PDB file of N, CA and C in Angstrom:
ATOM      1  N   UNK A   1     -14.789 167.416  53.183  1.00  0.00           N
ATOM      2  CA  UNK A   1     -13.580 166.765  52.729  1.00  0.00           C
ATOM      3  C   UNK A   1     -13.384 165.415  53.421  1.00  0.00           C
ATOM      4  N   UNK A   2     -13.619 165.344  54.732  1.00  0.00           N
ATOM      5  CA  UNK A   2     -13.481 164.086  55.453  1.00  0.00           C
ATOM      6  C   UNK A   2     -14.478 163.043  54.960  1.00  0.00           C
ATOM      7  N   UNK A   3     -15.662 163.500  54.570  1.00  0.00           N
ATOM      8  CA  UNK A   3     -16.683 162.593  54.047  1.00  0.00           C
ATOM      9  C   UNK A   3     -16.198 161.949  52.746  1.00  0.00           C
ATOM     10  N   UNK A   4     -15.541 162.716  51.891  1.00  0.00           N
ATOM     11  CA  UNK A   4     -15.011 162.185  50.633  1.00  0.00           C
ATOM     12  C   UNK A   4     -13.918 161.158  50.898  1.00  0.00           C
ATOM     13  N   UNK A   5     -13.052 161.417  51.869  1.00  0.00           N
ATOM     14  CA  UNK A   5     -11.989 160.463  52.205  1.00  0.00           C
ATOM     15  C   UNK A   5     -12.584 159.169  52.746  1.00  0.00           C
ATOM     16  N   UNK A   6     -13.599 159.294  53.591  1.00  0.00           N
ATOM     17  CA  UNK A   6     -14.257 158.117  54.146  1.00  0.00           C
ATOM     18  C   UNK A   6     -14.913 157.301  53.039  1.00  0.00           C
ATOM     19  N   UNK A   7     -15.610 157.977  52.129  1.00  0.00           N
ATOM     20  CA  UNK A   7     -16.259 157.293  51.024  1.00  0.00           C
ATOM     21  C   UNK A   7     -15.230 156.596  50.130  1.00  0.00           C
ATOM     22  N   UNK A   8     -14.131 157.283  49.856  1.00  0.00           N
ATOM     23  CA  UNK A   8     -13.079 156.689  49.030  1.00  0.00           C
ATOM     24  C   UNK A   8     -12.490 155.454  49.711  1.00  0.00           C
ATOM     25  N   UNK A   9     -12.282 155.538  51.010  1.00  0.00           N
ATOM     26  CA  UNK A   9     -11.732 154.410  51.763  1.00  0.00           C
ATOM     27  C   UNK A   9     -12.691 153.213  51.714  1.00  0.00           C
ATOM     28  N   UNK A  10     -13.974 153.470  51.872  1.00  0.00           N
ATOM     29  CA  UNK A  10     -14.970 152.398  51.826  1.00  0.00           C
ATOM     30  C   UNK A  10     -15.003 151.765  50.440  1.00  0.00           C
ATOM     31  N   UNK A  11     -14.951 152.577  49.391  1.00  0.00           N
ATOM     32  CA  UNK A  11     -14.971 152.045  48.030  1.00  0.00           C
ATOM     33  C   UNK A  11     -13.735 151.199  47.740  1.00  0.00           C
ATOM     34  N   UNK A  12     -12.579 151.648  48.175  1.00  0.00           N
ATOM     35  CA  UNK A  12     -11.341 150.888  47.963  1.00  0.00           C
ATOM     36  C   UNK A  12     -11.391 149.571  48.733  1.00  0.00           C
ATOM     37  N   UNK A  13     -11.825 149.626  49.979  1.00  0.00           N
ATOM     38  CA  UNK A  13     -11.916 148.406  50.791  1.00  0.00           C
ATOM     39  C   UNK A  13     -12.904 147.419  50.176  1.00  0.00           C
ATOM     40  N   UNK A  14     -14.022 147.908  49.665  1.00  0.00           N
ATOM     41  CA  UNK A  14     -15.021 147.033  49.034  1.00  0.00           C
ATOM     42  C   UNK A  14     -14.463 146.344  47.809  1.00  0.00           C
ATOM     43  N   UNK A  15     -13.734 147.092  46.987  1.00  0.00           N
ATOM     44  CA  UNK A  15     -13.182 146.478  45.777  1.00  0.00           C
ATOM     45  C   UNK A  15     -12.085 145.476  46.125  1.00  0.00           C
ATOM     46  N   UNK A  16     -11.316 145.727  47.168  1.00  0.00           N
ATOM     47  CA  UNK A  16     -10.304 144.763  47.597  1.00  0.00           C
ATOM     48  C   UNK A  16     -10.955 143.479  48.089  1.00  0.00           C
ATOM     49  N   UNK A  17     -12.024 143.605  48.856  1.00  0.00           N
ATOM     50  CA  UNK A  17     -12.716 142.418  49.343  1.00  0.00           C
ATOM     51  C   UNK A  17     -13.354 141.649  48.207  1.00  0.00           C
ATOM     52  N   UNK A  18     -13.897 142.351  47.228  1.00  0.00           N
ATOM     53  CA  UNK A  18     -14.472 141.670  46.072  1.00  0.00           C
ATOM     54  C   UNK A  18     -13.395 140.912  45.313  1.00  0.00           C
ATOM     55  N   UNK A  19     -12.225 141.485  45.190  1.00  0.00           N
ATOM     56  CA  UNK A  19     -11.108 140.823  44.525  1.00  0.00           C
ATOM     57  C   UNK A  19     -10.642 139.596  45.272  1.00  0.00           C
ATOM     58  N   UNK A  20     -10.695 139.629  46.586  1.00  0.00           N
ATOM     59  CA  UNK A  20     -10.291 138.470  47.388  1.00  0.00           C
ATOM     60  C   UNK A  20     -11.225 137.300  47.154  1.00  0.00           C
ATOM     61  N   UNK A  21     -12.501 137.569  46.951  1.00  0.00           N
ATOM     62  CA  UNK A  21     -13.450 136.501  46.680  1.00  0.00           C
ATOM     63  C   UNK A  21     -13.118 135.785  45.392  1.00  0.00           C
ATOM     64  N   UNK A  22     -12.663 136.532  44.398  1.00  0.00           N
ATOM     65  CA  UNK A  22     -12.313 135.933  43.120  1.00  0.00           C
ATOM     66  C   UNK A  22     -11.068 135.062  43.244  1.00  0.00           C
ATOM     67  N   UNK A  23     -10.231 135.332  44.224  1.00  0.00           N
ATOM     68  CA  UNK A  23      -8.982 134.593  44.383  1.00  0.00           C
ATOM     69  C   UNK A  23      -9.223 133.180  44.923  1.00  0.00           C
ATOM     70  N   UNK A  24     -10.446 132.887  45.325  1.00  0.00           N
ATOM     71  CA  UNK A  24     -10.730 131.571  45.874  1.00  0.00           C
ATOM     72  C   UNK A  24     -10.555 130.472  44.844  1.00  0.00           C
ATOM     73  N   UNK A  25     -10.765 130.792  43.587  1.00  0.00           N
ATOM     74  CA  UNK A  25     -10.542 129.808  42.537  1.00  0.00           C
ATOM     75  C   UNK A  25     -11.823 129.318  41.903  1.00  0.00           C
ATOM     76  N   UNK A  26     -11.632 128.616  40.796  1.00  0.00           N
ATOM     77  CA  UNK A  26     -12.756 128.008  40.093  1.00  0.00           C
ATOM     78  C   UNK A  26     -12.574 126.497  40.122  1.00  0.00           C
ATOM     79  N   UNK A  27     -13.662 125.781  40.042  1.00  0.00           N
ATOM     80  CA  UNK A  27     -13.601 124.325  40.096  1.00  0.00           C
ATOM     81  C   UNK A  27     -12.989 123.754  38.825  1.00  0.00           C
ATOM     82  N   UNK A  28     -12.185 122.750  38.984  1.00  0.00           N
ATOM     83  CA  UNK A  28     -11.581 122.019  37.865  1.00  0.00           C
ATOM     84  C   UNK A  28     -11.422 120.562  38.277  1.00  0.00           C
ATOM     85  N   UNK A  29     -11.299 119.709  37.273  1.00  0.00           N
ATOM     86  CA  UNK A  29     -11.141 118.274  37.509  1.00  0.00           C
ATOM     87  C   UNK A  29      -9.983 117.773  36.655  1.00  0.00           C
ATOM     88  N   UNK A  30      -9.144 116.886  37.227  1.00  0.00           N
ATOM     89  CA  UNK A  30      -8.070 116.249  36.459  1.00  0.00           C
ATOM     90  C   UNK A  30      -8.720 115.378  35.397  1.00  0.00           C
ATOM     91  N   UNK A  31      -8.234 115.502  34.161  1.00  0.00           N
ATOM     92  CA  UNK A  31      -8.901 114.885  33.016  1.00  0.00           C
ATOM     93  C   UNK A  31      -7.878 114.356  32.020  1.00  0.00           C
ATOM     94  N   UNK A  32      -8.078 113.154  31.500  1.00  0.00           N
ATOM     95  CA  UNK A  32      -7.275 112.551  30.434  1.00  0.00           C
ATOM     96  C   UNK A  32      -5.846 112.183  30.848  1.00  0.00           C
ATOM     97  N   UNK A  33      -5.636 111.843  32.082  1.00  0.00           N
ATOM     98  CA  UNK A  33      -4.290 111.447  32.511  1.00  0.00           C
ATOM     99  C   UNK A  33      -3.982 110.030  32.066  1.00  0.00           C
ATOM    100  N   UNK A  34      -4.957 109.173  32.102  1.00  0.00           N
ATOM    101  CA  UNK A  34      -4.753 107.767  31.754  1.00  0.00           C
ATOM    102  C   UNK A  34      -5.065 106.894  32.942  1.00  0.00           C
ATOM    103  N   UNK A  35      -5.444 105.691  32.659  1.00  0.00           N
ATOM    104  CA  UNK A  35      -5.910 104.774  33.701  1.00  0.00           C
ATOM    105  C   UNK A  35      -4.825 104.457  34.735  1.00  0.00           C
ATOM    106  N   UNK A  36      -3.602 104.269  34.295  1.00  0.00           N
ATOM    107  CA  UNK A  36      -2.534 103.886  35.216  1.00  0.00           C
ATOM    108  C   UNK A  36      -1.568 105.031  35.515  1.00  0.00           C
ATOM    109  N   UNK A  37      -1.884 106.241  35.059  1.00  0.00           N
ATOM    110  CA  UNK A  37      -0.978 107.377  35.229  1.00  0.00           C
ATOM    111  C   UNK A  37      -1.539 108.376  36.233  1.00  0.00           C
ATOM    112  N   UNK A  38      -0.662 109.257  36.694  1.00  0.00           N
ATOM    113  CA  UNK A  38      -1.046 110.317  37.620  1.00  0.00           C
ATOM    114  C   UNK A  38      -0.536 111.646  37.078  1.00  0.00           C
ATOM    115  N   UNK A  39      -1.325 112.700  37.248  1.00  0.00           N
ATOM    116  CA  UNK A  39      -0.888 114.053  36.909  1.00  0.00           C
ATOM    117  C   UNK A  39      -0.010 114.553  38.043  1.00  0.00           C
ATOM    118  N   UNK A  40       1.149 115.034  37.714  1.00  0.00           N
ATOM    119  CA  UNK A  40       2.090 115.484  38.740  1.00  0.00           C
ATOM    120  C   UNK A  40       1.758 116.904  39.200  1.00  0.00           C
ATOM    121  N   UNK A  41       1.496 117.037  40.499  1.00  0.00           N
ATOM    122  CA  UNK A  41       1.339 118.336  41.135  1.00  0.00           C
ATOM    123  C   UNK A  41       2.743 118.794  41.502  1.00  0.00           C
ATOM    124  N   UNK A  42       3.183 119.901  40.923  1.00  0.00           N
ATOM    125  CA  UNK A  42       4.563 120.359  41.095  1.00  0.00           C
ATOM    126  C   UNK A  42       4.654 121.611  41.952  1.00  0.00           C
ATOM    127  N   UNK A  43       5.840 121.836  42.498  1.00  0.00           N
ATOM    128  CA  UNK A  43       6.083 122.988  43.367  1.00  0.00           C
ATOM    129  C   UNK A  43       6.121 124.306  42.598  1.00  0.00           C
ATOM    130  N   UNK A  44       6.286 124.255  41.292  1.00  0.00           N
ATOM    131  CA  UNK A  44       6.328 125.460  40.468  1.00  0.00           C
ATOM    132  C   UNK A  44       5.849 125.166  39.066  1.00  0.00           C
ATOM    133  N   UNK A  45       5.734 126.199  38.227  1.00  0.00           N
ATOM    134  CA  UNK A  45       5.184 126.042  36.881  1.00  0.00           C
ATOM    135  C   UNK A  45       6.203 125.553  35.860  1.00  0.00           C
ATOM    136  N   UNK A  46       6.488 124.271  35.865  1.00  0.00           N
ATOM    137  CA  UNK A  46       7.419 123.712  34.900  1.00  0.00           C
ATOM    138  C   UNK A  46       7.890 122.329  35.298  1.00  0.00           C
ATOM    139  N   UNK A  47       8.474 121.630  34.328  1.00  0.00           N
ATOM    140  CA  UNK A  47       8.927 120.257  34.572  1.00  0.00           C
ATOM    141  C   UNK A  47      10.121 120.183  35.516  1.00  0.00           C
ATOM    142  N   UNK A  48      10.850 121.272  35.692  1.00  0.00           N
ATOM    143  CA  UNK A  48      12.031 121.265  36.544  1.00  0.00           C
ATOM    144  C   UNK A  48      11.736 121.361  38.032  1.00  0.00           C
ATOM    145  N   UNK A  49      10.498 121.565  38.390  1.00  0.00           N
ATOM    146  CA  UNK A  49      10.142 121.685  39.805  1.00  0.00           C
ATOM    147  C   UNK A  49       9.827 120.321  40.398  1.00  0.00           C
ATOM    148  N   UNK A  50      10.058 120.186  41.705  1.00  0.00           N
ATOM    149  CA  UNK A  50       9.852 118.890  42.366  1.00  0.00           C
ATOM    150  C   UNK A  50       8.373 118.514  42.354  1.00  0.00           C
ATOM    151  N   UNK A  51       8.134 117.224  42.322  1.00  0.00           N
ATOM    152  CA  UNK A  51       6.773 116.688  42.345  1.00  0.00           C
ATOM    153  C   UNK A  51       6.309 116.611  43.792  1.00  0.00           C
ATOM    154  N   UNK A  52       5.142 117.184  44.062  1.00  0.00           N
ATOM    155  CA  UNK A  52       4.562 117.155  45.404  1.00  0.00           C
ATOM    156  C   UNK A  52       3.766 115.864  45.594  1.00  0.00           C
ATOM    157  N   UNK A  53       2.919 115.537  44.611  1.00  0.00           N
ATOM    158  CA  UNK A  53       2.162 114.291  44.639  1.00  0.00           C
ATOM    159  C   UNK A  53       1.530 114.050  43.279  1.00  0.00           C
ATOM    160  N   UNK A  54       1.002 112.840  43.091  1.00  0.00           N
ATOM    161  CA  UNK A  54       0.343 112.476  41.844  1.00  0.00           C
ATOM    162  C   UNK A  54      -1.167 112.509  42.005  1.00  0.00           C
ATOM    163  N   UNK A  55      -1.854 112.987  40.963  1.00  0.00           N
ATOM    164  CA  UNK A  55      -3.304 113.134  41.002  1.00  0.00           C
ATOM    165  C   UNK A  55      -3.953 112.254  39.935  1.00  0.00           C
ATOM    166  N   UNK A  56      -4.844 111.356  40.318  1.00  0.00           N
ATOM    167  CA  UNK A  56      -5.532 110.512  39.315  1.00  0.00           C
ATOM    168  C   UNK A  56      -6.653 111.283  38.619  1.00  0.00           C
ATOM    169  N   UNK A  57      -7.105 110.738  37.485  1.00  0.00           N
ATOM    170  CA  UNK A  57      -8.276 111.289  36.796  1.00  0.00           C
ATOM    171  C   UNK A  57      -9.426 111.447  37.784  1.00  0.00           C
ATOM    172  N   UNK A  58     -10.154 112.552  37.642  1.00  0.00           N
ATOM    173  CA  UNK A  58     -11.315 112.785  38.489  1.00  0.00           C
ATOM    174  C   UNK A  58     -11.029 113.556  39.759  1.00  0.00           C
ATOM    175  N   UNK A  59      -9.755 113.815  40.064  1.00  0.00           N
ATOM    176  CA  UNK A  59      -9.424 114.576  41.270  1.00  0.00           C
ATOM    177  C   UNK A  59     -10.003 115.980  41.150  1.00  0.00           C
ATOM    178  N   UNK A  60     -10.739 116.415  42.154  1.00  0.00           N
ATOM    179  CA  UNK A  60     -11.343 117.745  42.154  1.00  0.00           C
ATOM    180  C   UNK A  60     -10.349 118.767  42.686  1.00  0.00           C
ATOM    181  N   UNK A  61     -10.225 119.874  41.943  1.00  0.00           N
ATOM    182  CA  UNK A  61      -9.260 120.922  42.267  1.00  0.00           C
ATOM    183  C   UNK A  61      -9.932 122.291  42.262  1.00  0.00           C
ATOM    184  N   UNK A  62      -9.267 123.259  42.860  1.00  0.00           N
ATOM    185  CA  UNK A  62      -9.615 124.663  42.718  1.00  0.00           C
ATOM    186  C   UNK A  62      -8.497 125.318  41.923  1.00  0.00           C
ATOM    187  N   UNK A  63      -8.835 125.859  40.764  1.00  0.00           N
ATOM    188  CA  UNK A  63      -7.845 126.503  39.910  1.00  0.00           C
ATOM    189  C   UNK A  63      -7.719 127.959  40.339  1.00  0.00           C
ATOM    190  N   UNK A  64      -6.503 128.390  40.682  1.00  0.00           N
ATOM    191  CA  UNK A  64      -6.252 129.750  41.175  1.00  0.00           C
ATOM    192  C   UNK A  64      -5.920 130.702  40.035  1.00  0.00           C
ATOM    193  N   UNK A  65      -4.817 130.474  39.370  1.00  0.00           N
ATOM    194  CA  UNK A  65      -4.386 131.307  38.257  1.00  0.00           C
ATOM    195  C   UNK A  65      -3.465 130.484  37.379  1.00  0.00           C
ATOM    196  N   UNK A  66      -3.173 130.990  36.183  1.00  0.00           N
ATOM    197  CA  UNK A  66      -2.343 130.238  35.248  1.00  0.00           C
ATOM    198  C   UNK A  66      -1.251 131.133  34.668  1.00  0.00           C
ATOM    199  N   UNK A  67      -0.120 130.512  34.335  1.00  0.00           N
ATOM    200  CA  UNK A  67       1.008 131.217  33.723  1.00  0.00           C
ATOM    201  C   UNK A  67       1.556 130.358  32.588  1.00  0.00           C
ATOM    202  N   UNK A  68       2.162 131.025  31.619  1.00  0.00           N
ATOM    203  CA  UNK A  68       2.806 130.305  30.533  1.00  0.00           C
ATOM    204  C   UNK A  68       4.294 130.223  30.817  1.00  0.00           C
ATOM    205  N   UNK A  69       4.833 129.022  30.747  1.00  0.00           N
ATOM    206  CA  UNK A  69       6.253 128.769  30.983  1.00  0.00           C
ATOM    207  C   UNK A  69       6.741 127.853  29.878  1.00  0.00           C
ATOM    208  N   UNK A  70       7.710 128.306  29.093  1.00  0.00           N
ATOM    209  CA  UNK A  70       8.262 127.551  27.970  1.00  0.00           C
ATOM    210  C   UNK A  70       7.123 127.025  27.071  1.00  0.00           C
ATOM    211  N   UNK A  71       6.272 127.930  26.645  1.00  0.00           N
ATOM    212  CA  UNK A  71       5.143 127.645  25.744  1.00  0.00           C
ATOM    213  C   UNK A  71       4.123 126.658  26.300  1.00  0.00           C
ATOM    214  N   UNK A  72       4.134 126.414  27.588  1.00  0.00           N
ATOM    215  CA  UNK A  72       3.191 125.497  28.238  1.00  0.00           C
ATOM    216  C   UNK A  72       2.404 126.271  29.287  1.00  0.00           C
ATOM    217  N   UNK A  73       1.082 126.097  29.307  1.00  0.00           N
ATOM    218  CA  UNK A  73       0.241 126.757  30.296  1.00  0.00           C
ATOM    219  C   UNK A  73       0.183 125.906  31.566  1.00  0.00           C
ATOM    220  N   UNK A  74       0.563 126.504  32.684  1.00  0.00           N
ATOM    221  CA  UNK A  74       0.557 125.847  33.992  1.00  0.00           C
ATOM    222  C   UNK A  74      -0.408 126.592  34.901  1.00  0.00           C
ATOM    223  N   UNK A  75      -1.205 125.858  35.665  1.00  0.00           N
ATOM    224  CA  UNK A  75      -2.165 126.472  36.568  1.00  0.00           C
ATOM    225  C   UNK A  75      -1.817 126.142  38.016  1.00  0.00           C
ATOM    226  N   UNK A  76      -1.904 127.167  38.848  1.00  0.00           N
ATOM    227  CA  UNK A  76      -1.735 126.981  40.291  1.00  0.00           C
ATOM    228  C   UNK A  76      -3.070 126.477  40.812  1.00  0.00           C
ATOM    229  N   UNK A  77      -3.054 125.352  41.491  1.00  0.00           N
ATOM    230  CA  UNK A  77      -4.277 124.704  41.968  1.00  0.00           C
ATOM    231  C   UNK A  77      -4.139 124.298  43.430  1.00  0.00           C
ATOM    232  N   UNK A  78      -5.284 124.028  44.030  1.00  0.00           N
ATOM    233  CA  UNK A  78      -5.358 123.444  45.371  1.00  0.00           C
ATOM    234  C   UNK A  78      -6.295 122.256  45.290  1.00  0.00           C
ATOM    235  N   UNK A  79      -6.064 121.269  46.124  1.00  0.00           N
ATOM    236  CA  UNK A  79      -7.012 120.157  46.211  1.00  0.00           C
ATOM    237  C   UNK A  79      -8.323 120.692  46.788  1.00  0.00           C
ATOM    238  N   UNK A  80      -9.437 120.327  46.192  1.00  0.00           N
ATOM    239  CA  UNK A  80     -10.733 120.838  46.643  1.00  0.00           C
ATOM    240  C   UNK A  80     -11.033 120.426  48.082  1.00  0.00           C
ATOM    241  N   UNK A  81     -10.600 119.231  48.470  1.00  0.00           N
ATOM    242  CA  UNK A  81     -10.902 118.742  49.821  1.00  0.00           C
ATOM    243  C   UNK A  81      -9.739 118.936  50.803  1.00  0.00           C
ATOM    244  N   UNK A  82      -8.656 119.567  50.353  1.00  0.00           N
ATOM    245  CA  UNK A  82      -7.510 119.881  51.225  1.00  0.00           C
ATOM    246  C   UNK A  82      -6.826 121.123  50.638  1.00  0.00           C
ATOM    247  N   UNK A  83      -7.457 122.285  50.815  1.00  0.00           N
ATOM    248  CA  UNK A  83      -7.033 123.493  50.130  1.00  0.00           C
ATOM    249  C   UNK A  83      -5.647 123.995  50.528  1.00  0.00           C
ATOM    250  N   UNK A  84      -5.078 123.448  51.591  1.00  0.00           N
ATOM    251  CA  UNK A  84      -3.713 123.827  51.954  1.00  0.00           C
ATOM    252  C   UNK A  84      -2.680 123.094  51.104  1.00  0.00           C
ATOM    253  N   UNK A  85      -3.103 122.091  50.332  1.00  0.00           N
ATOM    254  CA  UNK A  85      -2.209 121.386  49.407  1.00  0.00           C
ATOM    255  C   UNK A  85      -2.307 122.094  48.060  1.00  0.00           C
ATOM    256  N   UNK A  86      -1.256 122.822  47.708  1.00  0.00           N
ATOM    257  CA  UNK A  86      -1.254 123.612  46.483  1.00  0.00           C
ATOM    258  C   UNK A  86      -0.014 123.307  45.655  1.00  0.00           C
ATOM    259  N   UNK A  87      -0.115 123.603  44.378  1.00  0.00           N
ATOM    260  CA  UNK A  87       1.002 123.435  43.471  1.00  0.00           C
ATOM    261  C   UNK A  87       0.557 123.781  42.060  1.00  0.00           C
ATOM    262  N   UNK A  88       1.341 123.361  41.090  1.00  0.00           N
ATOM    263  CA  UNK A  88       1.075 123.662  39.686  1.00  0.00           C
ATOM    264  C   UNK A  88       0.890 122.375  38.895  1.00  0.00           C
ATOM    265  N   UNK A  89      -0.045 122.425  37.939  1.00  0.00           N
ATOM    266  CA  UNK A  89      -0.271 121.320  37.012  1.00  0.00           C
ATOM    267  C   UNK A  89      -0.391 121.885  35.606  1.00  0.00           C
ATOM    268  N   UNK A  90      -0.144 121.032  34.623  1.00  0.00           N
ATOM    269  CA  UNK A  90      -0.331 121.421  33.238  1.00  0.00           C
ATOM    270  C   UNK A  90      -1.821 121.632  32.974  1.00  0.00           C
ATOM    271  N   UNK A  91      -2.164 122.760  32.346  1.00  0.00           N
ATOM    272  CA  UNK A  91      -3.564 123.075  32.056  1.00  0.00           C
ATOM    273  C   UNK A  91      -4.163 122.089  31.051  1.00  0.00           C
ATOM    274  N   UNK A  92      -3.324 121.372  30.305  1.00  0.00           N
ATOM    275  CA  UNK A  92      -3.811 120.397  29.328  1.00  0.00           C
ATOM    276  C   UNK A  92      -4.639 119.287  29.968  1.00  0.00           C
ATOM    277  N   UNK A  93      -4.467 119.076  31.257  1.00  0.00           N
ATOM    278  CA  UNK A  93      -5.130 117.971  31.944  1.00  0.00           C
ATOM    279  C   UNK A  93      -6.222 118.443  32.908  1.00  0.00           C
ATOM    280  N   UNK A  94      -6.731 119.643  32.683  1.00  0.00           N
ATOM    281  CA  UNK A  94      -7.810 120.172  33.519  1.00  0.00           C
ATOM    282  C   UNK A  94      -9.044 120.404  32.677  1.00  0.00           C
ATOM    283  N   UNK A  95     -10.200 120.174  33.283  1.00  0.00           N
ATOM    284  CA  UNK A  95     -11.461 120.525  32.626  1.00  0.00           C
ATOM    285  C   UNK A  95     -12.416 121.034  33.710  1.00  0.00           C
ATOM    286  N   UNK A  96     -13.421 121.772  33.267  1.00  0.00           N
ATOM    287  CA  UNK A  96     -14.459 122.227  34.189  1.00  0.00           C
ATOM    288  C   UNK A  96     -15.374 121.050  34.499  1.00  0.00           C
ATOM    289  N   UNK A  97     -15.835 120.961  35.748  1.00  0.00           N
ATOM    290  CA  UNK A  97     -16.699 119.828  36.116  1.00  0.00           C
ATOM    291  C   UNK A  97     -18.053 119.882  35.427  1.00  0.00           C
TER     292      UNK A  97
END
């Protein structure tokens, strides 16, 4: 019986660790913002949230997850070169590298 509990614990821990790896994100790039415009990185998924900073075309990001808010898809992202800077952007302006 103890062997079964140990095996179950190992299997659960393994699947949790595998899930954590997936949470790291996928690569994305800011795309189609415009030459003189910036994509707004926001504190939450929607236009009503404060702007954290502006991102020019070509900015490399890590896409975490996405949610739909008022018929708009918003993705939680981190800057690829500063992963502690996180926020939400409209998915319309993201593409895979």
